[in-house]
Protein backbone atom coordinates (compact mmCIF):
# COMPACT_ATOMS: atom_id res chain seq x y z
CA MET A 1 0.00 0.00 0.00
CA THR A 2 1.21 3.50 -0.82
CA GLY A 3 0.10 6.66 0.96
CA PHE A 4 0.93 10.34 1.10
CA ALA A 5 -0.36 13.27 3.15
CA SER A 6 0.97 16.76 3.80
CA LEU A 7 -0.24 19.56 6.07
CA THR A 8 1.23 22.96 7.00
CA HIS A 9 0.12 25.24 9.81
CA GLU A 10 1.46 28.77 10.30
CA ASP A 11 0.89 31.30 13.05
CA GLU A 12 2.87 34.12 14.64
CA ARG A 13 4.96 31.68 16.68
CA ALA A 14 5.98 29.03 14.19
CA THR A 15 5.39 27.14 10.98
CA ILE A 16 4.77 23.43 11.33
CA ALA A 17 4.83 21.17 8.29
CA VAL A 18 4.01 17.47 8.50
CA THR A 19 4.48 15.10 5.58
CA ILE A 20 3.70 11.41 5.77
CA ARG A 21 4.79 9.00 3.05
CA ALA A 22 4.47 5.25 3.02
CA VAL A 23 5.44 2.75 0.36
CA ASN A 24 4.86 -0.84 1.39
CA HIS A 25 6.36 -0.38 4.86
CA ARG A 26 5.21 -2.54 7.74
CA PHE A 27 7.14 -0.69 10.46
CA LEU A 28 7.05 2.84 11.78
CA ASP A 29 10.25 4.84 11.37
CA LEU A 30 9.73 8.49 12.13
CA GLN A 31 12.13 10.95 10.56
CA LEU A 32 12.17 14.40 12.11
CA ARG A 33 13.42 17.55 10.44
CA LEU A 34 13.66 20.42 12.86
CA PRO A 35 15.05 23.92 12.47
CA GLN A 36 18.85 24.10 12.76
CA ALA A 37 18.56 25.53 16.27
CA PHE A 38 16.91 22.27 17.36
CA GLY A 39 19.16 19.92 15.39
CA ASP A 40 21.00 18.65 18.41
CA VAL A 41 17.67 18.05 20.20
CA GLU A 42 16.74 15.57 17.49
CA SER A 43 20.04 13.71 17.83
CA ARG A 44 19.69 13.63 21.63
CA LEU A 45 16.16 12.23 21.36
CA ARG A 46 17.34 9.57 18.92
CA ALA A 47 20.31 8.67 21.15
CA LEU A 48 18.04 8.31 24.19
CA ALA A 49 15.45 6.27 22.27
CA ASP A 50 18.13 4.03 20.73
CA GLY A 51 19.81 3.48 24.11
CA LEU A 52 16.55 2.54 25.82
CA SER A 53 15.53 0.29 22.93
CA ALA A 54 18.88 -1.51 23.24
CA MET A 55 18.12 -2.11 26.93
CA LYS A 56 14.76 -3.66 25.98
CA GLU A 57 16.54 -5.95 23.51
CA LYS A 58 18.73 -7.13 26.41
CA GLY A 59 15.56 -8.14 28.29
CA LEU A 60 15.30 -5.18 30.67
CA ASP A 61 11.88 -3.87 31.74
CA VAL A 62 11.69 -0.81 29.49
CA ASP A 63 9.60 0.19 26.47
CA CYS A 64 10.09 3.33 24.42
CA LEU A 65 7.84 5.03 21.89
CA PRO A 66 9.62 6.54 18.89
CA PRO A 67 10.46 10.25 19.26
CA MET A 68 7.66 12.37 17.83
CA GLY A 69 9.21 15.81 17.96
CA GLY A 70 9.61 18.27 20.77
CA ILE A 71 12.10 17.65 23.56
CA TYR A 72 10.29 14.77 25.27
CA LEU A 73 10.38 11.01 24.97
CA THR A 74 7.65 8.68 26.23
CA VAL A 75 9.07 5.67 28.04
CA ARG A 76 7.64 2.84 30.11
CA PHE A 77 9.76 1.43 32.92
CA HIS A 78 7.85 -1.53 34.36
CA PRO A 79 9.96 -3.47 36.85
CA PHE A 80 6.99 -3.74 39.23
CA GLY A 81 7.41 -6.45 41.82
CA ARG A 82 11.18 -6.55 41.36
CA ARG A 83 13.57 -5.81 44.25
CA THR A 84 16.34 -3.23 44.40
CA PRO A 85 19.81 -4.24 45.61
CA ALA A 86 18.82 -2.75 49.00
CA GLY A 87 15.81 -5.10 49.13
CA ALA A 88 13.00 -2.59 48.48
CA THR A 89 10.17 -3.79 46.22
CA LEU A 90 9.25 -1.52 43.31
CA ALA A 91 5.46 -1.36 43.56
CA SER A 92 4.58 1.96 41.91
CA SER A 93 5.76 4.50 39.36
CA GLU A 94 6.90 6.67 42.25
CA ASP A 95 9.09 3.79 43.50
CA VAL A 96 10.61 3.43 40.01
CA ARG A 97 11.15 7.20 39.71
CA ARG A 98 12.89 7.34 43.09
CA TYR A 99 15.00 4.25 42.39
CA LEU A 100 16.31 5.53 39.02
CA LEU A 101 17.06 8.93 40.52
CA GLU A 102 18.97 7.46 43.47
CA ALA A 103 20.66 4.53 41.70
CA ALA A 104 21.43 6.15 38.35
CA GLY A 105 21.08 9.91 38.84
CA PHE A 106 18.37 9.75 36.15
CA ALA A 107 15.32 12.01 36.56
CA ILE A 108 12.02 10.94 35.02
CA VAL A 109 8.50 12.32 35.43
CA PRO A 110 5.60 9.85 35.86
CA PHE A 111 2.51 10.46 33.75
CA SER A 112 0.53 10.79 37.00
CA ALA A 113 2.18 14.23 37.38
CA PHE A 114 0.13 15.27 34.33
CA GLY A 115 -3.17 13.93 35.70
CA VAL A 116 -3.05 10.46 34.14
CA ARG A 117 -4.70 7.93 36.40
CA GLY A 118 -3.30 4.50 36.99
CA ASP A 119 0.18 3.32 37.74
CA GLU A 120 1.39 1.57 34.63
CA GLY A 121 4.99 2.78 34.53
CA TRP A 122 4.75 5.46 31.82
CA PHE A 123 7.13 8.40 32.14
CA ARG A 124 8.14 11.53 30.28
CA LEU A 125 11.84 12.14 29.72
CA SER A 126 13.23 15.47 28.53
CA VAL A 127 16.44 16.15 26.65
CA GLY A 128 15.95 19.92 26.66
CA ALA A 129 18.70 20.72 29.16
CA VAL A 130 20.95 17.69 28.67
CA ARG A 131 24.19 17.79 26.71
CA PRO A 132 24.94 14.80 24.44
CA GLU A 133 27.89 13.70 26.61
CA GLU A 134 25.68 13.75 29.73
CA LEU A 135 23.14 11.59 27.95
CA ALA A 136 25.83 9.16 26.81
CA ALA A 137 27.04 8.85 30.41
CA ALA A 138 23.51 8.41 31.83
CA LEU A 139 22.39 5.48 29.67
CA PRO A 140 24.92 2.96 31.06
CA ARG A 141 23.99 4.02 34.62
CA VAL A 142 20.31 3.38 33.88
CA GLU A 143 21.11 0.03 32.31
CA ARG A 144 23.19 -1.00 35.34
CA ALA A 145 20.42 0.10 37.72
CA LEU A 146 17.77 -1.88 35.81
CA ALA A 147 20.04 -4.92 35.49
CA ALA A 148 20.64 -4.86 39.26
CA LEU A 149 16.95 -5.48 40.02
CA ARG A 150 15.98 -8.96 41.20
């Protein structure tokens, strides 16, 4: 199946153009083109998404939606019922948030902070104030923290 759609919206703040093309693809691969000023944001989002996807491939309890623009990434950490090296059981998104902050120095915001009900492990991650080298250093710490759970 082949498909094409294009839409542009302009206002006093910005111009947003979205083009979607598909030619016999079964998988979603989003390609973002942002203004030059945001170019490094795109690469940071891709690096974060690729790093978290690699952790999932290693069997760790993490899912990641493809970057869809902006400075945020939607990620699900779901090690519920697992124990930290200190013996604490991760029973909620708040437990996961606290554990990753303490064990890996990695700050994440649970969807409940935005009014979403339920405790399913979905978080928002931002790359807005993170340099690429900080991101590169953070991913191994997160992987080690997740791998340390029992």
